C-alpha atoms as a PDB file:
ATOM      1  CA  UNK A   1       0.000   0.000   0.000  1.00  0.00           C
ATOM      2  CA  UNK A   2       1.424   3.372  -0.997  1.00  0.00           C
ATOM      3  CA  UNK A   3       0.204   6.907  -0.515  1.00  0.00           C
ATOM      4  CA  UNK A   4       0.981  10.375  -1.898  1.00  0.00           C
ATOM      5  CA  UNK A   5       0.489  13.584   0.090  1.00  0.00           C
ATOM      6  CA  UNK A   6      -1.089  16.653  -1.484  1.00  0.00           C
ATOM      7  CA  UNK A   7      -0.077  20.283  -0.927  1.00  0.00           C
ATOM      8  CA  UNK A   8      -1.286  21.751   1.746  1.00  0.00           C
ATOM      9  CA  UNK A   9     -20.026  36.364  12.185  1.00  0.00           C
ATOM     10  CA  UNK A  10     -21.373  35.262  15.439  1.00  0.00           C
ATOM     11  CA  UNK A  11     -23.116  37.373  18.113  1.00  0.00           C
ATOM     12  CA  UNK A  12     -21.843  37.488  21.716  1.00  0.00           C
ATOM     13  CA  UNK A  13     -24.224  34.840  23.098  1.00  0.00           C
ATOM     14  CA  UNK A  14     -23.497  32.333  20.345  1.00  0.00           C
ATOM     15  CA  UNK A  15     -19.762  32.993  20.679  1.00  0.00           C
ATOM     16  CA  UNK A  16     -19.869  32.161  24.396  1.00  0.00           C
ATOM     17  CA  UNK A  17     -21.853  28.973  23.758  1.00  0.00           C
ATOM     18  CA  UNK A  18     -19.499  27.949  20.962  1.00  0.00           C
ATOM     19  CA  UNK A  19     -16.418  28.674  23.079  1.00  0.00           C
ATOM     20  CA  UNK A  20     -17.528  26.527  26.003  1.00  0.00           C
ATOM     21  CA  UNK A  21     -18.773  23.622  23.880  1.00  0.00           C
ATOM     22  CA  UNK A  22     -15.721  23.762  21.637  1.00  0.00           C
ATOM     23  CA  UNK A  23     -13.378  23.589  24.641  1.00  0.00           C
ATOM     24  CA  UNK A  24     -15.078  20.438  25.916  1.00  0.00           C
ATOM     25  CA  UNK A  25     -15.080  18.851  22.452  1.00  0.00           C
ATOM     26  CA  UNK A  26     -11.464  19.879  21.927  1.00  0.00           C
ATOM     27  CA  UNK A  27     -10.264  18.273  25.162  1.00  0.00           C
ATOM     28  CA  UNK A  28     -12.188  15.066  24.457  1.00  0.00           C
ATOM     29  CA  UNK A  29     -10.870  14.981  20.886  1.00  0.00           C
ATOM     30  CA  UNK A  30      -7.292  15.337  22.119  1.00  0.00           C
ATOM     31  CA  UNK A  31      -7.910  12.536  24.613  1.00  0.00           C
ATOM     32  CA  UNK A  32      -9.285  10.233  21.914  1.00  0.00           C
ATOM     33  CA  UNK A  33      -6.483  11.086  19.493  1.00  0.00           C
ATOM     34  CA  UNK A  34      -3.420  10.970  21.777  1.00  0.00           C
ATOM     35  CA  UNK A  35      -4.697   8.811  24.647  1.00  0.00           C
ATOM     36  CA  UNK A  36      -7.091   9.625  27.475  1.00  0.00           C
ATOM     37  CA  UNK A  37      -4.888   8.518  30.374  1.00  0.00           C
ATOM     38  CA  UNK A  38      -1.969  10.859  29.583  1.00  0.00           C
ATOM     39  CA  UNK A  39      -4.289  13.831  29.121  1.00  0.00           C
ATOM     40  CA  UNK A  40      -6.280  13.144  32.288  1.00  0.00           C
ATOM     41  CA  UNK A  41      -3.035  12.724  34.198  1.00  0.00           C
ATOM     42  CA  UNK A  42      -1.881  16.086  32.839  1.00  0.00           C
ATOM     43  CA  UNK A  43      -5.120  17.805  33.875  1.00  0.00           C
ATOM     44  CA  UNK A  44      -4.855  16.265  37.342  1.00  0.00           C
ATOM     45  CA  UNK A  45      -1.279  17.503  37.687  1.00  0.00           C
ATOM     46  CA  UNK A  46      -2.326  20.939  36.433  1.00  0.00           C
ATOM     47  CA  UNK A  47      -5.076  21.139  39.077  1.00  0.00           C
ATOM     48  CA  UNK A  48      -2.663  20.015  41.818  1.00  0.00           C
ATOM     49  CA  UNK A  49       0.142  22.318  40.803  1.00  0.00           C
ATOM     50  CA  UNK A  50      -1.907  25.474  40.331  1.00  0.00           C
ATOM     51  CA  UNK A  51      -4.589  25.069  43.019  1.00  0.00           C
ATOM     52  CA  UNK A  52      -5.486  28.423  44.638  1.00  0.00           C
ATOM     53  CA  UNK A  53      -3.310  30.270  42.143  1.00  0.00           C
ATOM     54  CA  UNK A  54      -4.026  32.228  38.974  1.00  0.00           C
ATOM     55  CA  UNK A  55      -2.605  30.117  36.132  1.00  0.00           C
ATOM     56  CA  UNK A  56      -2.532  31.200  32.523  1.00  0.00           C
ATOM     57  CA  UNK A  57      -3.157  29.324  29.301  1.00  0.00           C
ATOM     58  CA  UNK A  58       0.606  28.992  28.932  1.00  0.00           C
ATOM     59  CA  UNK A  59       0.748  27.234  32.318  1.00  0.00           C
ATOM     60  CA  UNK A  60      -1.864  24.704  31.222  1.00  0.00           C
ATOM     61  CA  UNK A  61      -0.161  24.072  27.899  1.00  0.00           C
ATOM     62  CA  UNK A  62       3.156  23.652  29.677  1.00  0.00           C
ATOM     63  CA  UNK A  63       1.794  20.921  31.939  1.00  0.00           C
ATOM     64  CA  UNK A  64       0.006  19.238  29.023  1.00  0.00           C
ATOM     65  CA  UNK A  65       3.233  19.122  27.022  1.00  0.00           C
ATOM     66  CA  UNK A  66       5.221  17.915  30.026  1.00  0.00           C
ATOM     67  CA  UNK A  67       2.870  15.124  31.110  1.00  0.00           C
ATOM     68  CA  UNK A  68       0.771  14.199  28.058  1.00  0.00           C
ATOM     69  CA  UNK A  69       3.411  14.915  25.430  1.00  0.00           C
ATOM     70  CA  UNK A  70       4.107  17.435  22.653  1.00  0.00           C
ATOM     71  CA  UNK A  71       1.396  16.163  20.306  1.00  0.00           C
ATOM     72  CA  UNK A  72      -1.348  16.734  22.882  1.00  0.00           C
ATOM     73  CA  UNK A  73      -0.063  20.237  23.522  1.00  0.00           C
ATOM     74  CA  UNK A  74       0.160  21.040  19.823  1.00  0.00           C
ATOM     75  CA  UNK A  75      -3.392  19.866  19.171  1.00  0.00           C
ATOM     76  CA  UNK A  76      -4.735  21.945  22.048  1.00  0.00           C
ATOM     77  CA  UNK A  77      -2.873  25.006  20.789  1.00  0.00           C
ATOM     78  CA  UNK A  78      -4.106  24.382  17.272  1.00  0.00           C
ATOM     79  CA  UNK A  79      -7.718  24.025  18.367  1.00  0.00           C
ATOM     80  CA  UNK A  80      -7.644  27.064  20.627  1.00  0.00           C
ATOM     81  CA  UNK A  81      -5.856  29.366  18.222  1.00  0.00           C
ATOM     82  CA  UNK A  82      -8.378  28.904  15.415  1.00  0.00           C
ATOM     83  CA  UNK A  83     -12.159  29.115  15.312  1.00  0.00           C
ATOM     84  CA  UNK A  84     -12.126  27.290  11.988  1.00  0.00           C
ATOM     85  CA  UNK A  85     -13.774  23.958  11.303  1.00  0.00           C
ATOM     86  CA  UNK A  86     -12.379  20.440  11.265  1.00  0.00           C
ATOM     87  CA  UNK A  87     -13.742  18.533   8.277  1.00  0.00           C
ATOM     88  CA  UNK A  88     -12.335  15.531   6.430  1.00  0.00           C
ATOM     89  CA  UNK A  89     -14.048  13.721   3.573  1.00  0.00           C
ATOM     90  CA  UNK A  90     -13.499  10.612   1.498  1.00  0.00           C
ATOM     91  CA  UNK A  91     -13.660  12.225  -1.934  1.00  0.00           C
ATOM     92  CA  UNK A  92     -12.959   9.115  -4.002  1.00  0.00           C
ATOM     93  CA  UNK A  93     -13.056   5.345  -3.518  1.00  0.00           C
ATOM     94  CA  UNK A  94     -12.703   3.158  -6.617  1.00  0.00           C
ATOM     95  CA  UNK A  95     -11.667  -0.390  -7.377  1.00  0.00           C
ATOM     96  CA  UNK A  96     -11.203  -1.702 -10.936  1.00  0.00           C
ATOM     97  CA  UNK A  97      -9.836  -4.983 -12.314  1.00  0.00           C
ATOM     98  CA  UNK A  98      -6.048  -4.912 -12.521  1.00  0.00           C
ATOM     99  CA  UNK A  99      -4.053  -5.182 -15.723  1.00  0.00           C
ATOM    100  CA  UNK A 100      -2.913  -8.719 -14.969  1.00  0.00           C
ATOM    101  CA  UNK A 101      -4.771  -9.949 -11.891  1.00  0.00           C
ATOM    102  CA  UNK A 102      -6.523  -8.713  -8.773  1.00  0.00           C
ATOM    103  CA  UNK A 103      -7.971  -5.242  -8.322  1.00  0.00           C
ATOM    104  CA  UNK A 104      -6.463  -1.771  -8.480  1.00  0.00           C
ATOM    105  CA  UNK A 105      -7.952   0.461  -5.806  1.00  0.00           C
ATOM    106  CA  UNK A 106      -7.647   4.207  -5.212  1.00  0.00           C
ATOM    107  CA  UNK A 107      -8.841   6.290  -2.275  1.00  0.00           C
ATOM    108  CA  UNK A 108      -8.583  10.063  -1.943  1.00  0.00           C
ATOM    109  CA  UNK A 109      -9.229  11.800   1.390  1.00  0.00           C
ATOM    110  CA  UNK A 110      -9.500  15.591   1.493  1.00  0.00           C
ATOM    111  CA  UNK A 111      -9.181  18.160   4.248  1.00  0.00           C
ATOM    112  CA  UNK A 112     -12.067  20.584   3.793  1.00  0.00           C
ATOM    113  CA  UNK A 113     -11.757  22.461   7.087  1.00  0.00           C
ATOM    114  CA  UNK A 114      -9.274  25.108   8.143  1.00  0.00           C
ATOM    115  CA  UNK A 115      -7.951  23.189  11.164  1.00  0.00           C
ATOM    116  CA  UNK A 116      -5.644  20.236  10.526  1.00  0.00           C
ATOM    117  CA  UNK A 117      -6.181  17.199  12.733  1.00  0.00           C
ATOM    118  CA  UNK A 118      -4.536  13.765  12.642  1.00  0.00           C
ATOM    119  CA  UNK A 119      -7.011  11.153  11.450  1.00  0.00           C
ATOM    120  CA  UNK A 120      -7.128   7.432  10.788  1.00  0.00           C
ATOM    121  CA  UNK A 121      -8.130   6.172   7.354  1.00  0.00           C
ATOM    122  CA  UNK A 122      -9.671   2.709   7.193  1.00  0.00           C
ATOM    123  CA  UNK A 123      -9.810   0.678   3.978  1.00  0.00           C
ATOM    124  CA  UNK A 124     -11.968  -2.459   3.877  1.00  0.00           C
ATOM    125  CA  UNK A 125     -11.378  -5.102   1.222  1.00  0.00           C
ATOM    126  CA  UNK A 126     -13.211  -8.205   0.064  1.00  0.00           C
ATOM    127  CA  UNK A 127     -12.368 -11.262   2.108  1.00  0.00           C
ATOM    128  CA  UNK A 128     -12.286  -9.354   5.375  1.00  0.00           C
ATOM    129  CA  UNK A 129      -8.957  -7.562   4.976  1.00  0.00           C
ATOM    130  CA  UNK A 130      -8.825  -4.198   6.774  1.00  0.00           C
ATOM    131  CA  UNK A 131      -5.978  -1.706   6.334  1.00  0.00           C
ATOM    132  CA  UNK A 132      -5.613   1.307   8.624  1.00  0.00           C
ATOM    133  CA  UNK A 133      -3.306   4.254   8.042  1.00  0.00           C
ATOM    134  CA  UNK A 134      -2.768   7.363  10.160  1.00  0.00           C
ATOM    135  CA  UNK A 135      -2.598  10.681   8.326  1.00  0.00           C
ATOM    136  CA  UNK A 136      -1.393  13.851  10.042  1.00  0.00           C
ATOM    137  CA  UNK A 137      -4.104  15.729   8.151  1.00  0.00           C
ATOM    138  CA  UNK A 138      -1.919  18.715   7.309  1.00  0.00           C
ATOM    139  CA  UNK A 139      -2.057  18.541   3.527  1.00  0.00           C
ATOM    140  CA  UNK A 140      -5.077  19.311   1.405  1.00  0.00           C
ATOM    141  CA  UNK A 141      -5.418  15.684   0.410  1.00  0.00           C
ATOM    142  CA  UNK A 142      -3.871  12.252   0.651  1.00  0.00           C
ATOM    143  CA  UNK A 143      -4.159   9.425  -1.891  1.00  0.00           C
ATOM    144  CA  UNK A 144      -3.897   5.712  -1.154  1.00  0.00           C
ATOM    145  CA  UNK A 145      -3.360   3.040  -3.784  1.00  0.00           C
ATOM    146  CA  UNK A 146      -3.561  -0.721  -3.330  1.00  0.00           C
ATOM    147  CA  UNK A 147      -3.546  -3.843  -5.478  1.00  0.00           C
ATOM    148  CA  UNK A 148      -5.020  -7.194  -4.556  1.00  0.00           C
ATOM    149  CA  UNK A 149      -8.527  -7.845  -3.192  1.00  0.00           C
ATOM    150  CA  UNK A 150     -11.358  -5.566  -4.297  1.00  0.00           C
ATOM    151  CA  UNK A 151     -11.846  -2.462  -2.179  1.00  0.00           C
ATOM    152  CA  UNK A 152     -15.278  -2.334  -0.549  1.00  0.00           C
ATOM    153  CA  UNK A 153     -15.230   0.946   1.364  1.00  0.00           C
ATOM    154  CA  UNK A 154     -13.072   3.731   2.755  1.00  0.00           C
ATOM    155  CA  UNK A 155     -13.701   5.668   5.967  1.00  0.00           C
ATOM    156  CA  UNK A 156     -11.875   8.585   7.551  1.00  0.00           C
ATOM    157  CA  UNK A 157     -11.839   8.737  11.360  1.00  0.00           C
ATOM    158  CA  UNK A 158     -13.865   5.507  11.780  1.00  0.00           C
ATOM    159  CA  UNK A 159     -13.582   5.625  15.595  1.00  0.00           C
ATOM    160  CA  UNK A 160     -14.909   9.202  15.779  1.00  0.00           C
ATOM    161  CA  UNK A 161     -11.793  10.451  17.518  1.00  0.00           C
ATOM    162  CA  UNK A 162     -12.250  14.047  16.365  1.00  0.00           C
ATOM    163  CA  UNK A 163     -15.485  15.357  17.828  1.00  0.00           C
ATOM    164  CA  UNK A 164     -14.809  18.693  16.138  1.00  0.00           C
ATOM    165  CA  UNK A 165     -15.583  17.276  12.675  1.00  0.00           C
ATOM    166  CA  UNK A 166     -18.520  19.338  11.420  1.00  0.00           C
ATOM    167  CA  UNK A 167     -19.812  16.893   8.779  1.00  0.00           C
ATOM    168  CA  UNK A 168     -19.956  13.162   9.400  1.00  0.00           C
ATOM    169  CA  UNK A 169     -21.937  12.487   6.238  1.00  0.00           C
ATOM    170  CA  UNK A 170     -18.823  12.770   4.055  1.00  0.00           C
ATOM    171  CA  UNK A 171     -16.593  10.547   6.203  1.00  0.00           C
ATOM    172  CA  UNK A 172     -17.022   7.387   4.141  1.00  0.00           C
ATOM    173  CA  UNK A 173     -17.653   5.979   0.680  1.00  0.00           C
ATOM    174  CA  UNK A 174     -18.434   2.557  -0.738  1.00  0.00           C
ATOM    175  CA  UNK A 175     -17.079   1.499  -4.100  1.00  0.00           C
ATOM    176  CA  UNK A 176     -20.544   0.165  -5.009  1.00  0.00           C
ATOM    177  CA  UNK A 177     -23.920   1.557  -3.880  1.00  0.00           C
ATOM    178  CA  UNK A 178     -25.500   0.043  -0.791  1.00  0.00           C
ATOM    179  CA  UNK A 179     -28.915  -1.331  -1.883  1.00  0.00           C
ATOM    180  CA  UNK A 180     -30.212  -1.446   1.702  1.00  0.00           C
ATOM    181  CA  UNK A 181     -30.082   2.359   1.920  1.00  0.00           C
ATOM    182  CA  UNK A 182     -32.127   2.780  -1.255  1.00  0.00           C
ATOM    183  CA  UNK A 183     -34.678   0.203  -0.063  1.00  0.00           C
ATOM    184  CA  UNK A 184     -35.002   1.951   3.306  1.00  0.00           C
ATOM    185  CA  UNK A 185     -35.722   5.304   1.646  1.00  0.00           C
ATOM    186  CA  UNK A 186     -38.169   3.604  -0.713  1.00  0.00           C
ATOM    187  CA  UNK A 187     -40.121   2.175   2.231  1.00  0.00           C
ATOM    188  CA  UNK A 188     -40.232   5.600   3.898  1.00  0.00           C
ATOM    189  CA  UNK A 189     -41.482   7.317   0.729  1.00  0.00           C
ATOM    190  CA  UNK A 190     -44.185   4.687   0.165  1.00  0.00           C
ATOM    191  CA  UNK A 191     -45.314   5.034   3.783  1.00  0.00           C
ATOM    192  CA  UNK A 192     -45.493   8.829   3.426  1.00  0.00           C
ATOM    193  CA  UNK A 193     -47.410   8.607   0.141  1.00  0.00           C
ATOM    194  CA  UNK A 194     -49.922   6.157   1.625  1.00  0.00           C
ATOM    195  CA  UNK A 195     -50.568   8.419   4.608  1.00  0.00           C
ATOM    196  CA  UNK A 196     -51.033  11.459   2.363  1.00  0.00           C
ATOM    197  CA  UNK A 197     -53.565   9.593   0.193  1.00  0.00           C
ATOM    198  CA  UNK A 198     -55.512   8.506   3.274  1.00  0.00           C
ATOM    199  CA  UNK A 199     -55.487  12.080   4.573  1.00  0.00           C
ATOM    200  CA  UNK A 200     -56.838  13.438   1.270  1.00  0.00           C
ATOM    201  CA  UNK A 201     -59.549  10.752   1.268  1.00  0.00           C
ATOM    202  CA  UNK A 202     -60.678  11.755   4.759  1.00  0.00           C
ATOM    203  CA  UNK A 203     -60.745  15.431   3.797  1.00  0.00           C
ATOM    204  CA  UNK A 204     -62.820  14.675   0.735  1.00  0.00           C
ATOM    205  CA  UNK A 205     -65.391  12.705   2.776  1.00  0.00           C
ATOM    206  CA  UNK A 206     -65.663  15.267   5.563  1.00  0.00           C
ATOM    207  CA  UNK A 207     -68.513  17.865   5.374  1.00  0.00           C
ATOM    208  CA  UNK A 208     -67.226  20.972   3.660  1.00  0.00           C
ATOM    209  CA  UNK A 209     -64.106  19.069   2.663  1.00  0.00           C
ATOM    210  CA  UNK A 210     -62.183  19.207  -0.539  1.00  0.00           C
ATOM    211  CA  UNK A 211     -64.646  19.351  -3.512  1.00  0.00           C
END
Protein backbone atom coordinates (compact mmCIF):
# COMPACT_ATOMS: atom_id res chain seq x y z
CA UNK A 1 0.00 0.00 0.00
CA UNK A 2 1.42 3.37 -1.00
CA UNK A 3 0.20 6.91 -0.51
CA UNK A 4 0.98 10.38 -1.90
CA UNK A 5 0.49 13.58 0.09
CA UNK A 6 -1.09 16.65 -1.48
CA UNK A 7 -0.08 20.28 -0.93
CA UNK A 8 -1.29 21.75 1.75
CA UNK A 9 -20.03 36.36 12.19
CA UNK A 10 -21.37 35.26 15.44
CA UNK A 11 -23.12 37.37 18.11
CA UNK A 12 -21.84 37.49 21.72
CA UNK A 13 -24.22 34.84 23.10
CA UNK A 14 -23.50 32.33 20.35
CA UNK A 15 -19.76 32.99 20.68
CA UNK A 16 -19.87 32.16 24.40
CA UNK A 17 -21.85 28.97 23.76
CA UNK A 18 -19.50 27.95 20.96
CA UNK A 19 -16.42 28.67 23.08
CA UNK A 20 -17.53 26.53 26.00
CA UNK A 21 -18.77 23.62 23.88
CA UNK A 22 -15.72 23.76 21.64
CA UNK A 23 -13.38 23.59 24.64
CA UNK A 24 -15.08 20.44 25.92
CA UNK A 25 -15.08 18.85 22.45
CA UNK A 26 -11.46 19.88 21.93
CA UNK A 27 -10.26 18.27 25.16
CA UNK A 28 -12.19 15.07 24.46
CA UNK A 29 -10.87 14.98 20.89
CA UNK A 30 -7.29 15.34 22.12
CA UNK A 31 -7.91 12.54 24.61
CA UNK A 32 -9.29 10.23 21.91
CA UNK A 33 -6.48 11.09 19.49
CA UNK A 34 -3.42 10.97 21.78
CA UNK A 35 -4.70 8.81 24.65
CA UNK A 36 -7.09 9.62 27.48
CA UNK A 37 -4.89 8.52 30.37
CA UNK A 38 -1.97 10.86 29.58
CA UNK A 39 -4.29 13.83 29.12
CA UNK A 40 -6.28 13.14 32.29
CA UNK A 41 -3.04 12.72 34.20
CA UNK A 42 -1.88 16.09 32.84
CA UNK A 43 -5.12 17.81 33.88
CA UNK A 44 -4.85 16.27 37.34
CA UNK A 45 -1.28 17.50 37.69
CA UNK A 46 -2.33 20.94 36.43
CA UNK A 47 -5.08 21.14 39.08
CA UNK A 48 -2.66 20.01 41.82
CA UNK A 49 0.14 22.32 40.80
CA UNK A 50 -1.91 25.47 40.33
CA UNK A 51 -4.59 25.07 43.02
CA UNK A 52 -5.49 28.42 44.64
CA UNK A 53 -3.31 30.27 42.14
CA UNK A 54 -4.03 32.23 38.97
CA UNK A 55 -2.61 30.12 36.13
CA UNK A 56 -2.53 31.20 32.52
CA UNK A 57 -3.16 29.32 29.30
CA UNK A 58 0.61 28.99 28.93
CA UNK A 59 0.75 27.23 32.32
CA UNK A 60 -1.86 24.70 31.22
CA UNK A 61 -0.16 24.07 27.90
CA UNK A 62 3.16 23.65 29.68
CA UNK A 63 1.79 20.92 31.94
CA UNK A 64 0.01 19.24 29.02
CA UNK A 65 3.23 19.12 27.02
CA UNK A 66 5.22 17.92 30.03
CA UNK A 67 2.87 15.12 31.11
CA UNK A 68 0.77 14.20 28.06
CA UNK A 69 3.41 14.91 25.43
CA UNK A 70 4.11 17.43 22.65
CA UNK A 71 1.40 16.16 20.31
CA UNK A 72 -1.35 16.73 22.88
CA UNK A 73 -0.06 20.24 23.52
CA UNK A 74 0.16 21.04 19.82
CA UNK A 75 -3.39 19.87 19.17
CA UNK A 76 -4.73 21.94 22.05
CA UNK A 77 -2.87 25.01 20.79
CA UNK A 78 -4.11 24.38 17.27
CA UNK A 79 -7.72 24.03 18.37
CA UNK A 80 -7.64 27.06 20.63
CA UNK A 81 -5.86 29.37 18.22
CA UNK A 82 -8.38 28.90 15.41
CA UNK A 83 -12.16 29.12 15.31
CA UNK A 84 -12.13 27.29 11.99
CA UNK A 85 -13.77 23.96 11.30
CA UNK A 86 -12.38 20.44 11.26
CA UNK A 87 -13.74 18.53 8.28
CA UNK A 88 -12.33 15.53 6.43
CA UNK A 89 -14.05 13.72 3.57
CA UNK A 90 -13.50 10.61 1.50
CA UNK A 91 -13.66 12.22 -1.93
CA UNK A 92 -12.96 9.11 -4.00
CA UNK A 93 -13.06 5.35 -3.52
CA UNK A 94 -12.70 3.16 -6.62
CA UNK A 95 -11.67 -0.39 -7.38
CA UNK A 96 -11.20 -1.70 -10.94
CA UNK A 97 -9.84 -4.98 -12.31
CA UNK A 98 -6.05 -4.91 -12.52
CA UNK A 99 -4.05 -5.18 -15.72
CA UNK A 100 -2.91 -8.72 -14.97
CA UNK A 101 -4.77 -9.95 -11.89
CA UNK A 102 -6.52 -8.71 -8.77
CA UNK A 103 -7.97 -5.24 -8.32
CA UNK A 104 -6.46 -1.77 -8.48
CA UNK A 105 -7.95 0.46 -5.81
CA UNK A 106 -7.65 4.21 -5.21
CA UNK A 107 -8.84 6.29 -2.27
CA UNK A 108 -8.58 10.06 -1.94
CA UNK A 109 -9.23 11.80 1.39
CA UNK A 110 -9.50 15.59 1.49
CA UNK A 111 -9.18 18.16 4.25
CA UNK A 112 -12.07 20.58 3.79
CA UNK A 113 -11.76 22.46 7.09
CA UNK A 114 -9.27 25.11 8.14
CA UNK A 115 -7.95 23.19 11.16
CA UNK A 116 -5.64 20.24 10.53
CA UNK A 117 -6.18 17.20 12.73
CA UNK A 118 -4.54 13.76 12.64
CA UNK A 119 -7.01 11.15 11.45
CA UNK A 120 -7.13 7.43 10.79
CA UNK A 121 -8.13 6.17 7.35
CA UNK A 122 -9.67 2.71 7.19
CA UNK A 123 -9.81 0.68 3.98
CA UNK A 124 -11.97 -2.46 3.88
CA UNK A 125 -11.38 -5.10 1.22
CA UNK A 126 -13.21 -8.21 0.06
CA UNK A 127 -12.37 -11.26 2.11
CA UNK A 128 -12.29 -9.35 5.38
CA UNK A 129 -8.96 -7.56 4.98
CA UNK A 130 -8.82 -4.20 6.77
CA UNK A 131 -5.98 -1.71 6.33
CA UNK A 132 -5.61 1.31 8.62
CA UNK A 133 -3.31 4.25 8.04
CA UNK A 134 -2.77 7.36 10.16
CA UNK A 135 -2.60 10.68 8.33
CA UNK A 136 -1.39 13.85 10.04
CA UNK A 137 -4.10 15.73 8.15
CA UNK A 138 -1.92 18.72 7.31
CA UNK A 139 -2.06 18.54 3.53
CA UNK A 140 -5.08 19.31 1.41
CA UNK A 141 -5.42 15.68 0.41
CA UNK A 142 -3.87 12.25 0.65
CA UNK A 143 -4.16 9.43 -1.89
CA UNK A 144 -3.90 5.71 -1.15
CA UNK A 145 -3.36 3.04 -3.78
CA UNK A 146 -3.56 -0.72 -3.33
CA UNK A 147 -3.55 -3.84 -5.48
CA UNK A 148 -5.02 -7.19 -4.56
CA UNK A 149 -8.53 -7.85 -3.19
CA UNK A 150 -11.36 -5.57 -4.30
CA UNK A 151 -11.85 -2.46 -2.18
CA UNK A 152 -15.28 -2.33 -0.55
CA UNK A 153 -15.23 0.95 1.36
CA UNK A 154 -13.07 3.73 2.75
CA UNK A 155 -13.70 5.67 5.97
CA UNK A 156 -11.87 8.58 7.55
CA UNK A 157 -11.84 8.74 11.36
CA UNK A 158 -13.86 5.51 11.78
CA UNK A 159 -13.58 5.63 15.60
CA UNK A 160 -14.91 9.20 15.78
CA UNK A 161 -11.79 10.45 17.52
CA UNK A 162 -12.25 14.05 16.37
CA UNK A 163 -15.48 15.36 17.83
CA UNK A 164 -14.81 18.69 16.14
CA UNK A 165 -15.58 17.28 12.68
CA UNK A 166 -18.52 19.34 11.42
CA UNK A 167 -19.81 16.89 8.78
CA UNK A 168 -19.96 13.16 9.40
CA UNK A 169 -21.94 12.49 6.24
CA UNK A 170 -18.82 12.77 4.06
CA UNK A 171 -16.59 10.55 6.20
CA UNK A 172 -17.02 7.39 4.14
CA UNK A 173 -17.65 5.98 0.68
CA UNK A 174 -18.43 2.56 -0.74
CA UNK A 175 -17.08 1.50 -4.10
CA UNK A 176 -20.54 0.16 -5.01
CA UNK A 177 -23.92 1.56 -3.88
CA UNK A 178 -25.50 0.04 -0.79
CA UNK A 179 -28.92 -1.33 -1.88
CA UNK A 180 -30.21 -1.45 1.70
CA UNK A 181 -30.08 2.36 1.92
CA UNK A 182 -32.13 2.78 -1.26
CA UNK A 183 -34.68 0.20 -0.06
CA UNK A 184 -35.00 1.95 3.31
CA UNK A 185 -35.72 5.30 1.65
CA UNK A 186 -38.17 3.60 -0.71
CA UNK A 187 -40.12 2.17 2.23
CA UNK A 188 -40.23 5.60 3.90
CA UNK A 189 -41.48 7.32 0.73
CA UNK A 190 -44.18 4.69 0.17
CA UNK A 191 -45.31 5.03 3.78
CA UNK A 192 -45.49 8.83 3.43
CA UNK A 193 -47.41 8.61 0.14
CA UNK A 194 -49.92 6.16 1.63
CA UNK A 195 -50.57 8.42 4.61
CA UNK A 196 -51.03 11.46 2.36
CA UNK A 197 -53.56 9.59 0.19
CA UNK A 198 -55.51 8.51 3.27
CA UNK A 199 -55.49 12.08 4.57
CA UNK A 200 -56.84 13.44 1.27
CA UNK A 201 -59.55 10.75 1.27
CA UNK A 202 -60.68 11.75 4.76
CA UNK A 203 -60.74 15.43 3.80
CA UNK A 204 -62.82 14.67 0.74
CA UNK A 205 -65.39 12.71 2.78
CA UNK A 206 -65.66 15.27 5.56
CA UNK A 207 -68.51 17.86 5.37
CA UNK A 208 -67.23 20.97 3.66
CA UNK A 209 -64.11 19.07 2.66
CA UNK A 210 -62.18 19.21 -0.54
CA UNK A 211 -64.65 19.35 -3.51
